[in-house]
Amino acid sequence: SEAIVASPKSNDLYSRRGDVRFFLGDFKSAAADYDQMVELEPELDTGHWRRGIAWFYTGEYEKAAGQFERYHSFDNVDRENGIWRYLCQHKAFGVEKAREGLLKYEKDDREPFGDVYRLFQGTMTADELLAKIRDAQISDSEREKRLFYAELYVGLNEAVEGRVDSAREH
């Protein structure tokens, strides 16, 4: 913050402070820093997925969904972006509209994101997703990585569905 006072046009400083605030759970302040970055350099808007997540956690679901939609034009392979957009739309408009609005992808970028997407489409259950990872013929480190992301997004899905206890479990 002191460095920003000395250099108020430094996007790097706003980015670093925003990230610190984000990781401390101060999402409103993180979003304000990310907004300042975009104000200083408007071309950063399209690719600023961290701002979308911060807005999600401040309850600004429609703004967050718009951020992830713009990001899709920047990177149309990253399914995590589509997952976050789905979560935002679910909170803003409900599950049916969120499913209708799922971003389209030509290919899967990495496991387990294609299956997480199928969970949100309603064509796969959380139990099926997790069992598929547990049963896969992959290294322990790869299984751990896939389970991390699967549990994260299953938990977030449970949270937006209002199943708080299950969300905490995942």
Protein backbone atom coordinates (compact mmCIF):
# COMPACT_ATOMS: atom_id res chain seq x y z
CA SER A 1 0.00 0.00 0.00
CA GLU A 2 2.84 2.40 0.78
CA ALA A 3 4.45 1.58 -2.55
CA ILE A 4 1.16 2.36 -4.32
CA VAL A 5 1.06 5.77 -2.68
CA ALA A 6 4.52 6.40 -4.12
CA SER A 7 3.65 4.87 -7.54
CA PRO A 8 -0.14 5.17 -8.01
CA LYS A 9 -0.01 4.16 -11.68
CA SER A 10 1.79 0.86 -11.14
CA ASN A 11 -0.38 -2.03 -12.28
CA ASP A 12 2.15 -4.48 -10.89
CA LEU A 13 1.67 -3.04 -7.40
CA TYR A 14 -2.13 -3.14 -7.65
CA SER A 15 -1.90 -6.71 -8.91
CA ARG A 16 0.36 -7.78 -6.06
CA ARG A 17 -1.73 -6.05 -3.39
CA GLY A 18 -4.93 -7.40 -4.96
CA ASP A 19 -3.53 -10.91 -4.84
CA VAL A 20 -2.51 -10.54 -1.19
CA ARG A 21 -5.97 -9.26 -0.32
CA PHE A 22 -7.52 -12.07 -2.35
CA PHE A 23 -5.55 -14.75 -0.51
CA LEU A 24 -6.43 -13.14 2.81
CA GLY A 25 -10.11 -13.42 1.90
CA ASP A 26 -10.64 -9.65 1.54
CA PHE A 27 -12.36 -10.07 -1.81
CA LYS A 28 -13.96 -6.62 -1.89
CA SER A 29 -10.57 -4.90 -1.57
CA ALA A 30 -8.98 -7.35 -4.02
CA ALA A 31 -11.69 -6.56 -6.58
CA ALA A 32 -11.11 -2.83 -6.05
CA ASP A 33 -7.39 -3.29 -6.78
CA TYR A 34 -8.18 -5.38 -9.86
CA ASP A 35 -10.66 -2.71 -10.98
CA GLN A 36 -7.92 -0.11 -10.61
CA MET A 37 -5.66 -2.21 -12.82
CA VAL A 38 -8.30 -2.29 -15.55
CA GLU A 39 -8.90 1.44 -15.15
CA LEU A 40 -5.18 2.05 -15.72
CA GLU A 41 -4.97 -0.45 -18.60
CA PRO A 42 -8.42 -1.24 -20.06
CA GLU A 43 -7.00 -4.01 -22.25
CA LEU A 44 -6.45 -6.06 -19.06
CA ASP A 45 -10.21 -6.45 -18.64
CA THR A 46 -10.62 -9.42 -20.98
CA GLY A 47 -8.02 -11.62 -19.32
CA HIS A 48 -8.58 -10.74 -15.67
CA TRP A 49 -10.10 -13.95 -14.32
CA ARG A 50 -8.98 -13.18 -10.75
CA ARG A 51 -11.36 -10.22 -10.72
CA GLY A 52 -14.19 -12.57 -11.67
CA ILE A 53 -13.46 -14.86 -8.73
CA ALA A 54 -13.23 -11.88 -6.37
CA TRP A 55 -16.61 -10.66 -7.61
CA PHE A 56 -18.05 -14.14 -7.10
CA TYR A 57 -17.01 -14.06 -3.45
CA THR A 58 -18.44 -10.56 -2.98
CA GLY A 59 -21.79 -11.77 -4.30
CA GLU A 60 -21.57 -9.82 -7.57
CA TYR A 61 -22.51 -12.89 -9.57
CA GLU A 62 -23.73 -11.22 -12.76
CA LYS A 63 -20.60 -9.06 -13.01
CA ALA A 64 -18.45 -12.10 -12.34
CA ALA A 65 -20.26 -14.16 -15.00
CA GLY A 66 -19.64 -11.35 -17.48
CA GLN A 67 -15.95 -11.31 -16.61
CA PHE A 68 -15.66 -15.03 -17.29
CA GLU A 69 -17.58 -14.67 -20.54
CA ARG A 70 -15.12 -11.98 -21.68
CA TYR A 71 -12.22 -14.18 -20.61
CA HIS A 72 -13.55 -16.96 -22.84
CA SER A 73 -12.84 -14.72 -25.85
CA PHE A 74 -9.28 -14.39 -24.51
CA ASP A 75 -8.73 -18.11 -23.76
CA ASN A 76 -11.34 -20.51 -25.13
CA VAL A 77 -9.58 -23.67 -23.90
CA ASP A 78 -9.49 -23.08 -20.12
CA ARG A 79 -12.51 -24.94 -18.73
CA GLU A 80 -11.91 -23.60 -15.24
CA ASN A 81 -13.12 -20.29 -16.62
CA GLY A 82 -16.32 -21.94 -17.81
CA ILE A 83 -16.72 -23.63 -14.43
CA TRP A 84 -16.51 -20.30 -12.63
CA ARG A 85 -18.98 -18.75 -15.07
CA TYR A 86 -21.37 -21.61 -14.40
CA LEU A 87 -21.07 -21.10 -10.63
CA CYS A 88 -21.77 -17.38 -11.03
CA GLN A 89 -24.74 -17.95 -13.29
CA HIS A 90 -26.09 -20.59 -10.93
CA LYS A 91 -26.04 -18.09 -8.08
CA ALA A 92 -27.44 -15.27 -10.22
CA PHE A 93 -30.07 -17.10 -12.28
CA GLY A 94 -30.45 -20.69 -11.06
CA VAL A 95 -29.25 -24.07 -12.25
CA GLU A 96 -31.27 -24.33 -15.46
CA LYS A 97 -30.11 -20.98 -16.85
CA ALA A 98 -26.55 -21.79 -15.76
CA ARG A 99 -26.66 -25.09 -17.65
CA GLU A 100 -28.07 -23.38 -20.73
CA GLY A 101 -25.26 -20.81 -20.51
CA LEU A 102 -22.37 -23.25 -20.20
CA LEU A 103 -19.55 -22.02 -22.40
CA LYS A 104 -18.68 -24.27 -25.34
CA TYR A 105 -15.29 -25.94 -25.66
CA GLU A 106 -13.85 -27.82 -28.61
CA LYS A 107 -11.51 -29.94 -26.50
CA ASP A 108 -10.61 -30.72 -22.92
CA ASP A 109 -7.58 -28.84 -21.68
CA ARG A 110 -6.70 -31.19 -18.78
CA GLU A 111 -8.23 -33.68 -16.41
CA PRO A 112 -10.55 -33.58 -14.52
CA PHE A 113 -12.14 -30.44 -15.98
CA GLY A 114 -14.10 -32.12 -18.75
CA ASP A 115 -15.76 -34.35 -16.16
CA VAL A 116 -16.35 -31.42 -13.81
CA TYR A 117 -18.13 -29.76 -16.72
CA ARG A 118 -20.23 -32.90 -17.19
CA LEU A 119 -21.13 -32.68 -13.50
CA PHE A 120 -22.46 -29.17 -14.09
CA GLN A 121 -24.27 -30.30 -17.25
CA GLY A 122 -26.06 -32.86 -15.10
CA THR A 123 -24.70 -35.84 -17.06
CA MET A 124 -22.30 -37.06 -14.35
CA THR A 125 -22.62 -37.25 -10.57
CA ALA A 126 -20.01 -36.17 -8.07
CA ASP A 127 -19.63 -39.78 -6.93
CA GLU A 128 -19.00 -40.91 -10.52
CA LEU A 129 -16.47 -38.15 -11.07
CA LEU A 130 -14.50 -38.96 -7.93
CA ALA A 131 -14.66 -42.73 -8.50
CA LYS A 132 -13.35 -42.29 -12.05
CA ILE A 133 -10.28 -40.49 -10.67
CA ARG A 134 -9.74 -43.02 -7.90
CA ASP A 135 -9.97 -45.92 -10.39
CA ALA A 136 -7.81 -44.34 -13.11
CA GLN A 137 -4.51 -45.97 -14.04
CA ILE A 138 -2.41 -42.88 -13.20
CA SER A 139 0.43 -42.04 -10.85
CA ASP A 140 -0.32 -41.16 -7.24
CA SER A 141 0.82 -37.56 -7.81
CA GLU A 142 -1.47 -37.19 -10.84
CA ARG A 143 -4.37 -38.71 -8.87
CA GLU A 144 -3.75 -36.28 -6.03
CA LYS A 145 -3.73 -33.32 -8.44
CA ARG A 146 -6.96 -34.43 -10.14
CA LEU A 147 -8.67 -35.12 -6.83
CA PHE A 148 -7.70 -31.67 -5.57
CA TYR A 149 -9.50 -29.94 -8.44
CA ALA A 150 -12.41 -32.38 -8.48
CA GLU A 151 -13.03 -31.98 -4.74
CA LEU A 152 -12.68 -28.19 -5.02
CA TYR A 153 -15.29 -27.89 -7.76
CA VAL A 154 -17.59 -30.55 -6.35
CA GLY A 155 -17.48 -28.60 -3.09
CA LEU A 156 -18.19 -25.29 -4.79
CA ASN A 157 -21.07 -26.90 -6.68
CA GLU A 158 -22.46 -28.25 -3.43
CA ALA A 159 -22.17 -24.74 -1.96
CA VAL A 160 -24.10 -23.07 -4.79
CA GLU A 161 -26.70 -25.84 -4.52
CA GLY A 162 -27.11 -24.91 -0.84
CA ARG A 163 -25.70 -28.14 0.58
CA VAL A 164 -23.32 -26.51 3.03
CA ASP A 165 -22.30 -29.60 5.02
CA SER A 166 -21.45 -31.53 1.86
CA ALA A 167 -19.60 -28.50 0.48
CA ARG A 168 -17.39 -28.38 3.58
CA GLU A 169 -16.71 -32.11 3.33
CA HIS A 170 -15.41 -31.72 -0.20
